[in-house]
Amino acid sequence: MDTEAQHTERDRSSDTEERSRSARFTGFADRFGWSWRRTGLIGAVCVVFVLLLSHFVLQPFLIPSRSMEPTLQVGDRILVNKLAYRFGDQPRRGDVVVFDGTDSFVQQPPAENPVTGLLHGAAAALGLAEPAETDFVKRVVGVGGDRVVCCDTDGRLTVNGVPVEEWYVLMGDAPSKVPFDIVVPQGALFVMGDHRSQSSDSRDHLGRPGGGMVPVERVIGRADWIGWPFGRWSGVPETGAFDAVPEPAAGGHG
């Protein structure tokens, strides 16, 4: 018997099996590695796309407080239409808007770590974190030239001399416990929360620098939809409360 030939055949067989296993492992590793790389690449592209969409078109915004109840509730993710005022349209009375309150609601933005700020900004842009401390959501009750007064003899807000039936205000809340009589400067907005007793808004900044008047250019967009939770998936209700309000007379007095 040729034992040397048998050993040679077994050696060749072992080498073939080893190469086959090695090839299978290499192929699996290549496929597995490529799968992870491809998944990571697709994920990164999706994140960049969503961030760009959020920055220019439609931004999720997490509601952090009770100031807009019952229209908006704590934990709602609203979708802010950033194109609403990009093509010549202006905020209208009754619109729910998100704006940067720097120089109107906040005089000195809080200092923060640049890296932490960047990460928080990205998370906020995806609706995963509370908005920046300078960002607010309120309802427009007066535009440039409007005379806004509270309250008349029946306890109602008036704009340009016309009483406004504010059905969107939280039941039981007065239109305002703080009396005021103001004329909104041109190019600015007077804004209030729907939960008046829980809202820090234009009323709270009267007499301070900026006077609580929000420059139109500081408006980020209009809140058009509630996107989360699914049980509240709907459009932000429009209001006809200001339909009877006339345009301000010359000089801004109604």
Protein backbone atom coordinates (compact mmCIF):
# COMPACT_ATOMS: atom_id res chain seq x y z
CA MET A 1 0.00 0.00 0.00
CA ASP A 2 1.25 3.45 -0.95
CA THR A 3 0.86 5.31 2.34
CA GLU A 4 2.66 8.36 0.97
CA ALA A 5 0.04 8.76 -1.76
CA GLN A 6 -2.76 8.44 0.81
CA HIS A 7 -1.19 11.13 2.98
CA THR A 8 -0.80 13.37 -0.06
CA GLU A 9 -4.46 12.95 -1.01
CA ARG A 10 -5.57 13.70 2.56
CA ASP A 11 -3.34 16.75 2.68
CA ARG A 12 -4.75 18.03 -0.58
CA SER A 13 -8.28 17.40 0.64
CA SER A 14 -7.58 19.25 3.89
CA ASP A 15 -6.09 22.19 2.02
CA THR A 16 -9.10 22.35 -0.27
CA GLU A 17 -11.55 22.30 2.66
CA GLU A 18 -9.51 24.95 4.50
CA ARG A 19 -9.43 27.21 1.45
CA SER A 20 -13.18 26.69 0.99
CA ARG A 21 -13.90 27.62 4.62
CA SER A 22 -11.59 30.61 4.36
CA ALA A 23 -13.28 31.76 1.18
CA ARG A 24 -16.73 31.39 2.75
CA PHE A 25 -15.63 33.34 5.85
CA THR A 26 -14.02 36.05 3.74
CA GLY A 27 -17.12 36.32 1.58
CA PHE A 28 -19.35 36.48 4.64
CA ALA A 29 -17.12 39.10 6.28
CA ASP A 30 -17.05 41.16 3.10
CA ARG A 31 -20.81 41.00 2.75
CA PHE A 32 -21.37 41.65 6.44
CA GLY A 33 -18.89 44.54 6.50
CA TRP A 34 -20.35 46.08 3.36
CA SER A 35 -23.83 45.73 4.81
CA TRP A 36 -22.84 47.70 7.90
CA ARG A 37 -21.03 50.31 5.84
CA ARG A 38 -23.97 50.65 3.49
CA THR A 39 -26.43 50.91 6.37
CA GLY A 40 -24.27 53.53 8.06
CA LEU A 41 -23.96 55.51 4.83
CA ILE A 42 -27.70 55.39 4.17
CA GLY A 43 -28.37 56.42 7.76
CA ALA A 44 -25.99 59.37 7.51
CA VAL A 45 -27.57 60.52 4.24
CA CYS A 46 -31.05 60.29 5.79
CA VAL A 47 -29.99 62.35 8.82
CA VAL A 48 -28.44 65.02 6.59
CA PHE A 49 -31.57 65.10 4.43
CA VAL A 50 -33.86 65.46 7.46
CA LEU A 51 -31.67 68.21 8.93
CA LEU A 52 -31.73 70.12 5.64
CA LEU A 53 -35.49 69.64 5.38
CA SER A 54 -35.85 70.85 8.97
CA HIS A 55 -33.64 73.86 8.38
CA PHE A 56 -35.31 75.10 5.20
CA VAL A 57 -38.82 73.63 4.89
CA LEU A 58 -40.48 71.81 7.78
CA GLN A 59 -39.15 71.72 11.33
CA PRO A 60 -40.45 69.56 14.17
CA PHE A 61 -40.83 71.58 17.37
CA LEU A 62 -41.37 70.05 20.81
CA ILE A 63 -43.90 71.88 23.00
CA PRO A 64 -42.22 72.22 26.41
CA SER A 65 -44.85 74.11 28.44
CA ARG A 66 -48.57 74.63 29.05
CA SER A 67 -48.64 78.16 27.63
CA MET A 68 -50.57 77.19 24.47
CA GLU A 69 -53.18 74.90 26.00
CA PRO A 70 -55.68 73.72 24.92
CA THR A 71 -54.51 74.19 21.32
CA LEU A 72 -51.09 72.64 21.98
CA GLN A 73 -50.20 70.36 24.86
CA VAL A 74 -46.94 69.53 26.63
CA GLY A 75 -45.09 66.87 24.61
CA ASP A 76 -46.78 67.67 21.29
CA ARG A 77 -44.45 67.72 18.29
CA ILE A 78 -45.72 70.36 15.94
CA LEU A 79 -44.52 70.76 12.37
CA VAL A 80 -43.46 74.33 11.63
CA ASN A 81 -43.95 75.47 8.05
CA LYS A 82 -40.85 77.54 7.28
CA LEU A 83 -42.10 78.43 3.81
CA ALA A 84 -45.31 80.07 5.09
CA TYR A 85 -43.82 83.58 5.07
CA ARG A 86 -40.97 83.15 2.60
CA PHE A 87 -42.70 84.41 -0.55
CA GLY A 88 -44.19 87.72 0.49
CA ASP A 89 -46.89 86.52 2.90
CA GLN A 90 -46.89 88.05 6.38
CA PRO A 91 -48.03 86.60 9.70
CA ARG A 92 -51.73 87.26 10.24
CA ARG A 93 -53.80 87.76 13.36
CA GLY A 94 -54.69 84.35 14.74
CA ASP A 95 -51.65 82.53 13.32
CA VAL A 96 -49.73 80.30 15.74
CA VAL A 97 -46.06 81.08 15.10
CA VAL A 98 -42.66 79.93 16.31
CA PHE A 99 -40.13 82.73 16.65
CA ASP A 100 -36.73 83.67 17.98
CA GLY A 101 -37.37 85.84 21.01
CA THR A 102 -33.90 87.40 21.13
CA ASP A 103 -34.21 91.14 21.85
CA SER A 104 -37.96 90.88 22.44
CA PHE A 105 -38.50 88.13 25.03
CA VAL A 106 -34.85 87.40 25.84
CA GLN A 107 -32.31 90.22 26.09
CA GLN A 108 -29.20 88.11 26.62
CA PRO A 109 -29.14 84.56 25.21
CA PRO A 110 -27.62 82.12 27.74
CA ALA A 111 -24.03 81.08 27.10
CA GLU A 112 -23.47 77.41 26.30
CA ASN A 113 -20.76 75.00 25.29
CA PRO A 114 -20.42 75.12 21.46
CA VAL A 115 -20.31 71.32 21.10
CA THR A 116 -23.23 70.79 23.47
CA GLY A 117 -25.12 73.58 21.70
CA LEU A 118 -24.53 71.96 18.31
CA LEU A 119 -25.75 68.56 19.49
CA HIS A 120 -28.76 70.06 21.24
CA GLY A 121 -29.57 72.13 18.16
CA ALA A 122 -29.49 69.02 15.95
CA ALA A 123 -31.71 67.10 18.39
CA ALA A 124 -34.13 70.05 18.64
CA ALA A 125 -34.25 70.30 14.84
CA LEU A 126 -35.45 66.69 14.78
CA GLY A 127 -38.00 67.30 17.52
CA LEU A 128 -36.09 65.06 19.94
CA ALA A 129 -35.18 67.77 22.46
CA GLU A 130 -36.73 70.90 23.87
CA PRO A 131 -36.24 73.99 21.69
CA ALA A 132 -33.57 76.57 22.40
CA GLU A 133 -34.30 78.91 25.31
CA THR A 134 -34.72 81.74 22.80
CA ASP A 135 -37.42 79.96 20.74
CA PHE A 136 -41.11 80.44 21.59
CA VAL A 137 -44.53 79.48 20.22
CA LYS A 138 -47.43 81.93 20.60
CA ARG A 139 -50.52 83.22 18.80
CA VAL A 140 -50.44 86.50 16.88
CA VAL A 141 -53.09 88.90 18.22
CA GLY A 142 -51.77 92.12 16.72
CA VAL A 143 -49.79 93.06 13.60
CA GLY A 144 -48.08 96.30 12.60
CA GLY A 145 -50.28 99.35 13.20
CA ASP A 146 -52.90 97.49 15.28
CA ARG A 147 -54.18 98.97 18.51
CA VAL A 148 -54.61 96.10 20.97
CA VAL A 149 -56.51 96.81 24.19
CA CYS A 150 -57.52 94.69 27.15
CA CYS A 151 -59.99 94.65 28.34
CA ASP A 152 -63.29 96.27 27.34
CA THR A 153 -66.29 96.63 29.68
CA ASP A 154 -67.27 93.04 28.91
CA GLY A 155 -63.79 91.73 29.69
CA ARG A 156 -62.82 91.08 26.06
CA LEU A 157 -59.68 91.79 24.08
CA THR A 158 -60.22 94.41 21.35
CA VAL A 159 -58.19 95.01 18.21
CA ASN A 160 -58.70 98.28 16.36
CA GLY A 161 -61.83 98.86 18.45
CA VAL A 162 -63.47 95.52 17.61
CA PRO A 163 -64.02 92.92 20.39
CA VAL A 164 -62.48 89.51 19.70
CA GLU A 165 -64.27 86.34 20.81
CA GLU A 166 -61.24 84.22 21.68
CA TRP A 167 -62.77 80.73 21.75
CA TYR A 168 -59.25 79.22 21.65
CA VAL A 169 -58.32 80.59 25.10
CA LEU A 170 -58.31 77.93 27.81
CA MET A 171 -61.72 77.74 29.46
CA GLY A 172 -61.74 79.66 32.74
CA ASP A 173 -58.87 81.95 31.77
CA ALA A 174 -59.47 85.70 31.44
CA PRO A 175 -58.19 87.31 28.22
CA SER A 176 -55.67 89.08 30.45
CA LYS A 177 -55.45 89.98 34.13
CA VAL A 178 -52.93 92.65 33.16
CA PRO A 179 -54.59 95.65 31.47
CA PHE A 180 -52.82 97.17 28.48
CA ASP A 181 -53.40 99.55 25.61
CA ILE A 182 -50.69 99.41 22.95
CA VAL A 183 -50.09 100.15 19.28
CA VAL A 184 -47.98 97.53 17.52
CA PRO A 185 -45.02 99.05 15.63
CA GLN A 186 -44.80 98.43 11.90
CA GLY A 187 -42.86 95.26 11.10
CA ALA A 188 -43.63 93.74 14.51
CA LEU A 189 -46.13 91.39 16.17
CA PHE A 190 -47.93 91.32 19.51
CA VAL A 191 -48.26 87.70 20.62
CA MET A 192 -49.99 85.86 23.44
CA GLY A 193 -50.38 82.28 24.62
CA ASP A 194 -53.77 80.55 24.62
CA HIS A 195 -53.36 79.57 28.29
CA ARG A 196 -53.19 83.17 29.42
CA SER A 197 -52.59 82.48 33.12
CA GLN A 198 -49.61 80.23 32.28
CA SER A 199 -48.13 82.20 29.39
CA SER A 200 -45.21 84.59 29.54
CA ASP A 201 -45.76 86.63 26.40
CA SER A 202 -45.79 90.16 24.98
CA ARG A 203 -47.74 91.43 28.01
CA ASP A 204 -44.87 90.54 30.34
CA HIS A 205 -42.33 92.60 28.43
CA LEU A 206 -44.22 95.87 28.02
CA GLY A 207 -41.99 98.74 29.11
CA ARG A 208 -38.80 96.70 28.74
CA PRO A 209 -36.30 96.90 25.88
CA GLY A 210 -38.07 95.58 22.80
CA GLY A 211 -41.45 96.01 24.51
CA GLY A 212 -42.36 92.37 23.88
CA MET A 213 -42.93 93.18 20.21
CA VAL A 214 -41.59 90.40 17.99
CA PRO A 215 -39.93 91.58 14.76
CA VAL A 216 -41.46 89.82 11.77
CA GLU A 217 -37.99 88.80 10.57
CA ARG A 218 -37.55 86.82 13.80
CA VAL A 219 -40.47 84.53 12.93
CA ILE A 220 -39.19 81.02 12.17
CA GLY A 221 -42.43 79.73 10.71
CA ARG A 222 -46.10 78.95 11.22
CA ALA A 223 -47.28 75.97 13.26
CA ASP A 224 -49.48 74.10 10.79
CA TRP A 225 -49.68 70.51 12.04
CA ILE A 226 -49.47 68.38 15.17
CA GLY A 227 -47.35 65.41 14.11
CA TRP A 228 -46.99 63.53 17.40
CA PRO A 229 -48.38 61.77 19.38
CA PHE A 230 -50.42 59.91 16.78
CA GLY A 231 -53.57 60.30 18.83
CA ARG A 232 -53.36 64.08 18.28
CA TRP A 233 -52.30 63.93 14.64
CA SER A 234 -54.13 66.87 13.06
CA GLY A 235 -53.75 70.36 11.68
CA VAL A 236 -53.42 73.26 14.10
CA PRO A 237 -56.97 74.67 14.09
CA GLU A 238 -57.42 77.96 12.27
CA THR A 239 -59.50 80.70 13.84
CA GLY A 240 -61.94 83.21 12.42
CA ALA A 241 -61.88 85.25 15.63
CA PHE A 242 -60.20 88.20 13.91
CA ASP A 243 -62.23 88.19 10.69
CA ALA A 244 -64.23 91.29 11.70
CA VAL A 245 -61.15 93.29 12.73
CA PRO A 246 -60.59 96.20 10.31
CA GLU A 247 -57.21 97.32 9.09
CA PRO A 248 -55.68 99.99 11.36
CA ALA A 249 -56.46 103.59 10.56
CA ALA A 250 -53.69 105.96 9.53
CA GLY A 251 -51.31 106.38 12.42
CA GLY A 252 -52.07 102.92 13.72
CA HIS A 253 -55.18 103.73 15.80
CA GLY A 254 -58.45 101.88 15.28
